[in-house]
């Protein structure tokens, strides 16, 4: 189950306190409710505080896991739940997600997003990771996708692993493996759609993964140096209310790929 954090968010300045507070909705830029005398550059140079309150009942808090999912933030921001900092939006991912069930309470709950100046020590990394470049959503400071809560009933989808198996006589097989964590047993199935074919897979909660195998008789190979978006195959996965979409390029040089979700 998904519950959008829709409605009004209160915006307050942290740098120039003479700027009045006001309410706004997302997706959109902060400038939608700020004085017209402030340019987008002026807004990006300052620090801002966003606040949103919701009520949670016993039925919602009975879910074993509740993820806060935020995307569409192109500036450094700290995210807090009931006063606790839970994660940073630091440009390392297109989407940020964390199980916040331990920080939630019955009744009112407060979500805060603070656009802050990023500290320089974030650059110090003993084991730097290779990351795909993240394409900015918009040059203006704001939130370009509505934040939401993902309520998980039984299983968490942890990772999608794909494997391309190429045949000497032509064609290939495409294996999709879903890794999951079980919170509570129940009758759950997964659906995996690739190349216009969908498999519905029953889930064994005693295991931790399930697989689907697709046969592609005439695969379209991608040019890895200059990839054409039209050559990509969409992969869609649904598991216990969690939906993931990926674009897959087929090539004999590609074998196993892991996607954290």
C-alpha atoms as a PDB file:
ATOM      1  CA  UNK A   1       0.000   0.000   0.000  1.00  0.00           C
ATOM      2  CA  UNK A   2       1.213   3.488  -0.892  1.00  0.00           C
ATOM      3  CA  UNK A   3       0.213   6.633   1.003  1.00  0.00           C
ATOM      4  CA  UNK A   4       1.398   9.888  -0.641  1.00  0.00           C
ATOM      5  CA  UNK A   5       2.606  12.671   1.639  1.00  0.00           C
ATOM      6  CA  UNK A   6       0.295  15.032  -0.194  1.00  0.00           C
ATOM      7  CA  UNK A   7      -1.169  18.269   1.037  1.00  0.00           C
ATOM      8  CA  UNK A   8       0.570  21.354   2.347  1.00  0.00           C
ATOM      9  CA  UNK A   9       4.212  21.532   3.423  1.00  0.00           C
ATOM     10  CA  UNK A  10       5.283  24.540   5.505  1.00  0.00           C
ATOM     11  CA  UNK A  11       8.346  26.297   4.099  1.00  0.00           C
ATOM     12  CA  UNK A  12      10.506  28.362   6.458  1.00  0.00           C
ATOM     13  CA  UNK A  13      13.806  30.178   5.769  1.00  0.00           C
ATOM     14  CA  UNK A  14      16.900  29.205   7.731  1.00  0.00           C
ATOM     15  CA  UNK A  15      19.229  31.873   6.305  1.00  0.00           C
ATOM     16  CA  UNK A  16      17.244  35.092   5.757  1.00  0.00           C
ATOM     17  CA  UNK A  17      14.653  35.026   8.539  1.00  0.00           C
ATOM     18  CA  UNK A  18      12.914  38.102   7.119  1.00  0.00           C
ATOM     19  CA  UNK A  19      11.375  35.929   4.393  1.00  0.00           C
ATOM     20  CA  UNK A  20       7.832  34.981   5.510  1.00  0.00           C
ATOM     21  CA  UNK A  21       6.755  31.372   6.066  1.00  0.00           C
ATOM     22  CA  UNK A  22       4.232  29.939   3.653  1.00  0.00           C
ATOM     23  CA  UNK A  23       2.692  26.640   2.549  1.00  0.00           C
ATOM     24  CA  UNK A  24       3.209  24.817  -0.744  1.00  0.00           C
ATOM     25  CA  UNK A  25       2.561  21.466  -2.405  1.00  0.00           C
ATOM     26  CA  UNK A  26       4.786  19.160  -4.427  1.00  0.00           C
ATOM     27  CA  UNK A  27       5.932  18.426  -7.061  1.00  0.00           C
ATOM     28  CA  UNK A  28       7.239  21.904  -7.793  1.00  0.00           C
ATOM     29  CA  UNK A  29       9.924  24.484  -6.950  1.00  0.00           C
ATOM     30  CA  UNK A  30      10.261  26.371  -3.680  1.00  0.00           C
ATOM     31  CA  UNK A  31       9.959  29.585  -5.686  1.00  0.00           C
ATOM     32  CA  UNK A  32       6.248  28.988  -6.258  1.00  0.00           C
ATOM     33  CA  UNK A  33       5.468  30.692  -2.939  1.00  0.00           C
ATOM     34  CA  UNK A  34       8.565  32.829  -2.375  1.00  0.00           C
ATOM     35  CA  UNK A  35       8.812  36.579  -3.109  1.00  0.00           C
ATOM     36  CA  UNK A  36       9.403  37.357  -6.789  1.00  0.00           C
ATOM     37  CA  UNK A  37      12.416  39.450  -5.770  1.00  0.00           C
ATOM     38  CA  UNK A  38      14.299  36.204  -5.049  1.00  0.00           C
ATOM     39  CA  UNK A  39      15.955  34.662  -8.088  1.00  0.00           C
ATOM     40  CA  UNK A  40      16.454  30.899  -8.393  1.00  0.00           C
ATOM     41  CA  UNK A  41      20.155  31.494  -7.695  1.00  0.00           C
ATOM     42  CA  UNK A  42      19.267  33.397  -4.502  1.00  0.00           C
ATOM     43  CA  UNK A  43      17.020  30.538  -3.370  1.00  0.00           C
ATOM     44  CA  UNK A  44      19.653  27.871  -4.069  1.00  0.00           C
ATOM     45  CA  UNK A  45      22.242  29.850  -2.081  1.00  0.00           C
ATOM     46  CA  UNK A  46      20.121  29.770   1.099  1.00  0.00           C
ATOM     47  CA  UNK A  47      19.044  27.075   3.556  1.00  0.00           C
ATOM     48  CA  UNK A  48      15.367  26.074   3.917  1.00  0.00           C
ATOM     49  CA  UNK A  49      13.150  24.002   6.200  1.00  0.00           C
ATOM     50  CA  UNK A  50      10.105  22.023   5.030  1.00  0.00           C
ATOM     51  CA  UNK A  51       7.632  20.471   7.482  1.00  0.00           C
ATOM     52  CA  UNK A  52       4.628  18.194   6.975  1.00  0.00           C
ATOM     53  CA  UNK A  53       2.435  16.510   9.625  1.00  0.00           C
ATOM     54  CA  UNK A  54       0.265  13.416   9.231  1.00  0.00           C
ATOM     55  CA  UNK A  55      -1.775  11.149  11.511  1.00  0.00           C
ATOM     56  CA  UNK A  56      -1.141   7.395  11.648  1.00  0.00           C
ATOM     57  CA  UNK A  57      -3.571   4.886  13.154  1.00  0.00           C
ATOM     58  CA  UNK A  58      -3.162   1.423  14.664  1.00  0.00           C
ATOM     59  CA  UNK A  59      -3.971  -0.334  11.391  1.00  0.00           C
ATOM     60  CA  UNK A  60      -1.179   1.496   9.564  1.00  0.00           C
ATOM     61  CA  UNK A  61       1.330   0.954  12.358  1.00  0.00           C
ATOM     62  CA  UNK A  62       0.561  -2.785  12.329  1.00  0.00           C
ATOM     63  CA  UNK A  63       2.552  -3.122   9.084  1.00  0.00           C
ATOM     64  CA  UNK A  64       5.956  -4.693   9.843  1.00  0.00           C
ATOM     65  CA  UNK A  65       7.820  -2.245   7.599  1.00  0.00           C
ATOM     66  CA  UNK A  66       7.021   1.274   6.383  1.00  0.00           C
ATOM     67  CA  UNK A  67       9.376   2.889   3.880  1.00  0.00           C
ATOM     68  CA  UNK A  68       9.737   6.603   3.321  1.00  0.00           C
ATOM     69  CA  UNK A  69      10.462   7.107  -0.388  1.00  0.00           C
ATOM     70  CA  UNK A  70      11.737  10.427  -1.749  1.00  0.00           C
ATOM     71  CA  UNK A  71      12.985  11.258  -5.252  1.00  0.00           C
ATOM     72  CA  UNK A  72      13.266  14.322  -7.449  1.00  0.00           C
ATOM     73  CA  UNK A  73      15.584  16.251  -5.101  1.00  0.00           C
ATOM     74  CA  UNK A  74      18.631  17.705  -6.859  1.00  0.00           C
ATOM     75  CA  UNK A  75      20.117  19.666  -3.940  1.00  0.00           C
ATOM     76  CA  UNK A  76      21.591  18.358  -0.706  1.00  0.00           C
ATOM     77  CA  UNK A  77      18.886  17.787   1.898  1.00  0.00           C
ATOM     78  CA  UNK A  78      18.576  16.142   5.296  1.00  0.00           C
ATOM     79  CA  UNK A  79      15.382  14.185   5.970  1.00  0.00           C
ATOM     80  CA  UNK A  80      14.001  13.838   9.498  1.00  0.00           C
ATOM     81  CA  UNK A  81      11.108  11.844  10.966  1.00  0.00           C
ATOM     82  CA  UNK A  82       9.791  12.976  14.338  1.00  0.00           C
ATOM     83  CA  UNK A  83      13.021  14.886  14.928  1.00  0.00           C
ATOM     84  CA  UNK A  84      15.353  12.010  13.997  1.00  0.00           C
ATOM     85  CA  UNK A  85      17.628  12.362  10.953  1.00  0.00           C
ATOM     86  CA  UNK A  86      16.977   9.221   8.870  1.00  0.00           C
ATOM     87  CA  UNK A  87      18.911   9.854   5.634  1.00  0.00           C
ATOM     88  CA  UNK A  88      20.460  12.485   3.381  1.00  0.00           C
ATOM     89  CA  UNK A  89      19.618  13.247  -0.223  1.00  0.00           C
ATOM     90  CA  UNK A  90      23.194  13.733  -1.386  1.00  0.00           C
ATOM     91  CA  UNK A  91      23.067  13.172  -5.134  1.00  0.00           C
ATOM     92  CA  UNK A  92      24.147   9.525  -4.844  1.00  0.00           C
ATOM     93  CA  UNK A  93      20.827   8.104  -6.020  1.00  0.00           C
ATOM     94  CA  UNK A  94      17.746   8.908  -8.080  1.00  0.00           C
ATOM     95  CA  UNK A  95      15.531   7.613  -5.268  1.00  0.00           C
ATOM     96  CA  UNK A  96      16.085   7.516  -1.509  1.00  0.00           C
ATOM     97  CA  UNK A  97      14.298   4.956   0.646  1.00  0.00           C
ATOM     98  CA  UNK A  98      14.457   3.850   4.278  1.00  0.00           C
ATOM     99  CA  UNK A  99      12.340   1.798   6.656  1.00  0.00           C
ATOM    100  CA  UNK A 100      11.136   4.386   9.166  1.00  0.00           C
ATOM    101  CA  UNK A 101       8.735   2.154  11.115  1.00  0.00           C
ATOM    102  CA  UNK A 102      10.903   2.406  14.307  1.00  0.00           C
ATOM    103  CA  UNK A 103      10.563   6.208  14.297  1.00  0.00           C
ATOM    104  CA  UNK A 104       6.786   6.400  13.821  1.00  0.00           C
ATOM    105  CA  UNK A 105       4.182   6.718  16.538  1.00  0.00           C
ATOM    106  CA  UNK A 106       0.436   6.466  16.985  1.00  0.00           C
ATOM    107  CA  UNK A 107      -1.248   9.766  16.174  1.00  0.00           C
ATOM    108  CA  UNK A 108       0.653  12.803  14.839  1.00  0.00           C
ATOM    109  CA  UNK A 109       3.953  12.323  13.004  1.00  0.00           C
ATOM    110  CA  UNK A 110       6.199  15.038  11.589  1.00  0.00           C
ATOM    111  CA  UNK A 111       8.303  14.864   8.428  1.00  0.00           C
ATOM    112  CA  UNK A 112      11.008  17.460   7.783  1.00  0.00           C
ATOM    113  CA  UNK A 113      13.225  18.110   4.774  1.00  0.00           C
ATOM    114  CA  UNK A 114      16.071  20.565   5.331  1.00  0.00           C
ATOM    115  CA  UNK A 115      17.908  22.000   2.345  1.00  0.00           C
ATOM    116  CA  UNK A 116      21.342  22.643   3.850  1.00  0.00           C
ATOM    117  CA  UNK A 117      24.823  23.551   2.732  1.00  0.00           C
ATOM    118  CA  UNK A 118      26.672  20.291   2.199  1.00  0.00           C
ATOM    119  CA  UNK A 119      29.686  19.782   4.452  1.00  0.00           C
ATOM    120  CA  UNK A 120      33.014  19.253   2.738  1.00  0.00           C
ATOM    121  CA  UNK A 121      33.896  16.083   4.687  1.00  0.00           C
ATOM    122  CA  UNK A 122      31.298  14.110   2.677  1.00  0.00           C
ATOM    123  CA  UNK A 123      33.980  13.923  -0.044  1.00  0.00           C
ATOM    124  CA  UNK A 124      36.244  11.828   2.208  1.00  0.00           C
ATOM    125  CA  UNK A 125      35.550   8.192   1.391  1.00  0.00           C
ATOM    126  CA  UNK A 126      37.893   5.375   2.307  1.00  0.00           C
ATOM    127  CA  UNK A 127      36.324   3.069  -0.262  1.00  0.00           C
ATOM    128  CA  UNK A 128      34.823   5.161  -3.043  1.00  0.00           C
ATOM    129  CA  UNK A 129      32.087   3.461  -5.042  1.00  0.00           C
ATOM    130  CA  UNK A 130      31.484   3.645  -8.770  1.00  0.00           C
ATOM    131  CA  UNK A 131      28.095   5.247  -9.316  1.00  0.00           C
ATOM    132  CA  UNK A 132      26.089   5.921 -12.417  1.00  0.00           C
ATOM    133  CA  UNK A 133      25.735   9.636 -13.160  1.00  0.00           C
ATOM    134  CA  UNK A 134      22.490  11.052 -11.832  1.00  0.00           C
ATOM    135  CA  UNK A 135      20.657  13.311 -14.255  1.00  0.00           C
ATOM    136  CA  UNK A 136      19.195  16.382 -12.539  1.00  0.00           C
ATOM    137  CA  UNK A 137      15.419  16.705 -12.627  1.00  0.00           C
ATOM    138  CA  UNK A 138      15.310  20.509 -12.626  1.00  0.00           C
ATOM    139  CA  UNK A 139      17.803  23.302 -12.050  1.00  0.00           C
ATOM    140  CA  UNK A 140      15.454  24.990  -9.575  1.00  0.00           C
ATOM    141  CA  UNK A 141      15.503  24.032  -5.903  1.00  0.00           C
ATOM    142  CA  UNK A 142      12.421  21.993  -5.090  1.00  0.00           C
ATOM    143  CA  UNK A 143      10.956  18.505  -4.937  1.00  0.00           C
ATOM    144  CA  UNK A 144       9.908  17.052  -8.293  1.00  0.00           C
ATOM    145  CA  UNK A 145       8.271  13.820  -7.182  1.00  0.00           C
ATOM    146  CA  UNK A 146       5.725  13.591  -4.397  1.00  0.00           C
ATOM    147  CA  UNK A 147       7.183  11.824  -1.327  1.00  0.00           C
ATOM    148  CA  UNK A 148       5.228   8.804  -0.131  1.00  0.00           C
ATOM    149  CA  UNK A 149       5.049   6.015   2.432  1.00  0.00           C
ATOM    150  CA  UNK A 150       5.246   2.407   1.238  1.00  0.00           C
ATOM    151  CA  UNK A 151       3.495   0.039   3.652  1.00  0.00           C
ATOM    152  CA  UNK A 152       4.923  -3.499   3.342  1.00  0.00           C
ATOM    153  CA  UNK A 153       2.735  -6.393   4.472  1.00  0.00           C
ATOM    154  CA  UNK A 154       4.817  -9.549   4.078  1.00  0.00           C
ATOM    155  CA  UNK A 155       7.943  -9.267   1.914  1.00  0.00           C
ATOM    156  CA  UNK A 156      10.535  -6.641   1.076  1.00  0.00           C
ATOM    157  CA  UNK A 157      12.031  -6.685  -2.405  1.00  0.00           C
ATOM    158  CA  UNK A 158      15.742  -6.198  -1.738  1.00  0.00           C
ATOM    159  CA  UNK A 159      17.452  -6.737  -5.086  1.00  0.00           C
ATOM    160  CA  UNK A 160      16.810  -7.634  -8.714  1.00  0.00           C
ATOM    161  CA  UNK A 161      19.573  -9.617 -10.453  1.00  0.00           C
ATOM    162  CA  UNK A 162      19.553 -10.207 -14.210  1.00  0.00           C
ATOM    163  CA  UNK A 163      21.633 -12.634 -16.221  1.00  0.00           C
ATOM    164  CA  UNK A 164      21.957 -12.813 -20.007  1.00  0.00           C
ATOM    165  CA  UNK A 165      22.672 -16.271 -21.415  1.00  0.00           C
ATOM    166  CA  UNK A 166      23.637 -16.088 -25.092  1.00  0.00           C
ATOM    167  CA  UNK A 167      23.482 -19.066 -27.459  1.00  0.00           C
ATOM    168  CA  UNK A 168      25.965 -19.721 -30.247  1.00  0.00           C
ATOM    169  CA  UNK A 169      23.143 -20.503 -32.669  1.00  0.00           C
ATOM    170  CA  UNK A 170      21.420 -17.164 -32.007  1.00  0.00           C
ATOM    171  CA  UNK A 171      19.009 -15.816 -29.434  1.00  0.00           C
ATOM    172  CA  UNK A 172      19.453 -15.525 -25.714  1.00  0.00           C
ATOM    173  CA  UNK A 173      17.801 -16.306 -22.428  1.00  0.00           C
ATOM    174  CA  UNK A 174      17.171 -13.583 -19.858  1.00  0.00           C
ATOM    175  CA  UNK A 175      17.044 -14.672 -16.234  1.00  0.00           C
ATOM    176  CA  UNK A 176      15.476 -12.402 -13.614  1.00  0.00           C
ATOM    177  CA  UNK A 177      16.095 -13.271  -9.963  1.00  0.00           C
ATOM    178  CA  UNK A 178      14.237 -11.463  -7.180  1.00  0.00           C
ATOM    179  CA  UNK A 179      15.837 -11.429  -3.726  1.00  0.00           C
ATOM    180  CA  UNK A 180      13.505 -10.655  -0.845  1.00  0.00           C
ATOM    181  CA  UNK A 181      13.215 -10.576   2.940  1.00  0.00           C
ATOM    182  CA  UNK A 182      10.195 -12.120   4.646  1.00  0.00           C
ATOM    183  CA  UNK A 183       8.578 -10.208   7.503  1.00  0.00           C
ATOM    184  CA  UNK A 184       5.400 -12.232   7.847  1.00  0.00           C
ATOM    185  CA  UNK A 185       4.210 -15.433   6.112  1.00  0.00           C
ATOM    186  CA  UNK A 186       1.233 -15.224   3.780  1.00  0.00           C
ATOM    187  CA  UNK A 187      -0.027 -15.970   0.280  1.00  0.00           C
ATOM    188  CA  UNK A 188       2.099 -13.663  -1.871  1.00  0.00           C
ATOM    189  CA  UNK A 189       3.030 -13.763  -5.547  1.00  0.00           C
ATOM    190  CA  UNK A 190       5.343 -11.727  -7.743  1.00  0.00           C
ATOM    191  CA  UNK A 191       4.852 -10.608 -11.333  1.00  0.00           C
ATOM    192  CA  UNK A 192       7.757 -10.101 -13.723  1.00  0.00           C
ATOM    193  CA  UNK A 193       7.150  -8.540 -17.160  1.00  0.00           C
ATOM    194  CA  UNK A 194       9.823  -8.494 -19.868  1.00  0.00           C
ATOM    195  CA  UNK A 195       9.621  -8.328 -23.664  1.00  0.00           C
ATOM    196  CA  UNK A 196       5.787  -8.122 -23.486  1.00  0.00           C
ATOM    197  CA  UNK A 197       5.574 -11.402 -21.527  1.00  0.00           C
ATOM    198  CA  UNK A 198       4.485 -11.613 -17.887  1.00  0.00           C
ATOM    199  CA  UNK A 199       5.165 -14.406 -15.407  1.00  0.00           C
ATOM    200  CA  UNK A 200       3.230 -14.710 -12.139  1.00  0.00           C
ATOM    201  CA  UNK A 201       5.415 -16.430  -9.572  1.00  0.00           C
ATOM    202  CA  UNK A 202       4.193 -17.909  -6.262  1.00  0.00           C
ATOM    203  CA  UNK A 203       6.450 -16.972  -3.370  1.00  0.00           C
ATOM    204  CA  UNK A 204       7.888 -19.495  -0.939  1.00  0.00           C
ATOM    205  CA  UNK A 205       8.346 -17.485   2.267  1.00  0.00           C
ATOM    206  CA  UNK A 206      10.819 -20.125   3.509  1.00  0.00           C
ATOM    207  CA  UNK A 207      13.181 -19.107   0.692  1.00  0.00           C
ATOM    208  CA  UNK A 208      14.763 -15.749  -0.068  1.00  0.00           C
ATOM    209  CA  UNK A 209      14.553 -15.539  -3.859  1.00  0.00           C
ATOM    210  CA  UNK A 210      12.459 -16.489  -6.892  1.00  0.00           C
ATOM    211  CA  UNK A 211      13.359 -16.518 -10.598  1.00  0.00           C
ATOM    212  CA  UNK A 212      11.781 -16.102 -14.024  1.00  0.00           C
ATOM    213  CA  UNK A 213      13.411 -17.137 -17.308  1.00  0.00           C
ATOM    214  CA  UNK A 214      12.576 -15.423 -20.617  1.00  0.00           C
ATOM    215  CA  UNK A 215      13.506 -16.620 -24.107  1.00  0.00           C
ATOM    216  CA  UNK A 216      14.362 -13.927 -26.707  1.00  0.00           C
ATOM    217  CA  UNK A 217      14.602 -15.414 -30.195  1.00  0.00           C
ATOM    218  CA  UNK A 218      15.706 -12.267 -32.051  1.00  0.00           C
ATOM    219  CA  UNK A 219      17.268  -9.942 -29.443  1.00  0.00           C
ATOM    220  CA  UNK A 220      18.068  -6.336 -30.296  1.00  0.00           C
ATOM    221  CA  UNK A 221      21.604  -5.670 -29.094  1.00  0.00           C
ATOM    222  CA  UNK A 222      22.524  -2.325 -27.645  1.00  0.00           C
ATOM    223  CA  UNK A 223      25.508  -0.275 -28.745  1.00  0.00           C
ATOM    224  CA  UNK A 224      27.320   0.144 -25.421  1.00  0.00           C
ATOM    225  CA  UNK A 225      29.348   3.109 -26.717  1.00  0.00           C
ATOM    226  CA  UNK A 226      26.338   5.026 -28.064  1.00  0.00           C
ATOM    227  CA  UNK A 227      23.220   3.381 -26.617  1.00  0.00           C
ATOM    228  CA  UNK A 228      19.930   4.057 -28.366  1.00  0.00           C
ATOM    229  CA  UNK A 229      17.017   4.314 -25.887  1.00  0.00           C
ATOM    230  CA  UNK A 230      14.749   2.558 -28.394  1.00  0.00           C
ATOM    231  CA  UNK A 231      16.942  -0.552 -28.103  1.00  0.00           C
ATOM    232  CA  UNK A 232      16.289  -0.906 -24.367  1.00  0.00           C
ATOM    233  CA  UNK A 233      13.854  -3.495 -23.032  1.00  0.00           C
ATOM    234  CA  UNK A 234      11.544  -2.497 -20.138  1.00  0.00           C
ATOM    235  CA  UNK A 235      11.550  -4.806 -17.121  1.00  0.00           C
ATOM    236  CA  UNK A 236       8.718  -4.477 -14.601  1.00  0.00           C
ATOM    237  CA  UNK A 237       8.625  -6.219 -11.227  1.00  0.00           C
ATOM    238  CA  UNK A 238       5.787  -6.234  -8.694  1.00  0.00           C
ATOM    239  CA  UNK A 239       6.084  -7.851  -5.271  1.00  0.00           C
ATOM    240  CA  UNK A 240       3.797  -7.258  -2.286  1.00  0.00           C
ATOM    241  CA  UNK A 241       2.814  -3.778  -3.477  1.00  0.00           C
ATOM    242  CA  UNK A 242       6.376  -2.764  -4.386  1.00  0.00           C
ATOM    243  CA  UNK A 243       6.826  -1.793  -8.039  1.00  0.00           C
ATOM    244  CA  UNK A 244      10.185  -1.499  -9.821  1.00  0.00           C
ATOM    245  CA  UNK A 245      10.842  -0.536 -13.432  1.00  0.00           C
ATOM    246  CA  UNK A 246      14.219  -0.966 -15.140  1.00  0.00           C
ATOM    247  CA  UNK A 247      15.501  -0.463 -18.674  1.00  0.00           C
ATOM    248  CA  UNK A 248      17.664  -3.334 -19.866  1.00  0.00           C
ATOM    249  CA  UNK A 249      20.218  -3.358 -22.669  1.00  0.00           C
ATOM    250  CA  UNK A 250      21.009  -6.732 -24.233  1.00  0.00           C
ATOM    251  CA  UNK A 251      24.555  -7.514 -25.350  1.00  0.00           C
ATOM    252  CA  UNK A 252      26.756 -10.647 -25.429  1.00  0.00           C
ATOM    253  CA  UNK A 253      29.326  -8.713 -23.399  1.00  0.00           C
ATOM    254  CA  UNK A 254      26.854  -8.250 -20.538  1.00  0.00           C
ATOM    255  CA  UNK A 255      26.337 -11.139 -18.154  1.00  0.00           C
ATOM    256  CA  UNK A 256      25.160 -10.619 -14.562  1.00  0.00           C
ATOM    257  CA  UNK A 257      23.855  -7.262 -13.297  1.00  0.00           C
ATOM    258  CA  UNK A 258      22.613  -6.438  -9.786  1.00  0.00           C
ATOM    259  CA  UNK A 259      20.042  -3.717  -9.056  1.00  0.00           C
ATOM    260  CA  UNK A 260      19.391  -2.582  -5.497  1.00  0.00           C
ATOM    261  CA  UNK A 261      15.776  -1.486  -5.054  1.00  0.00           C
END
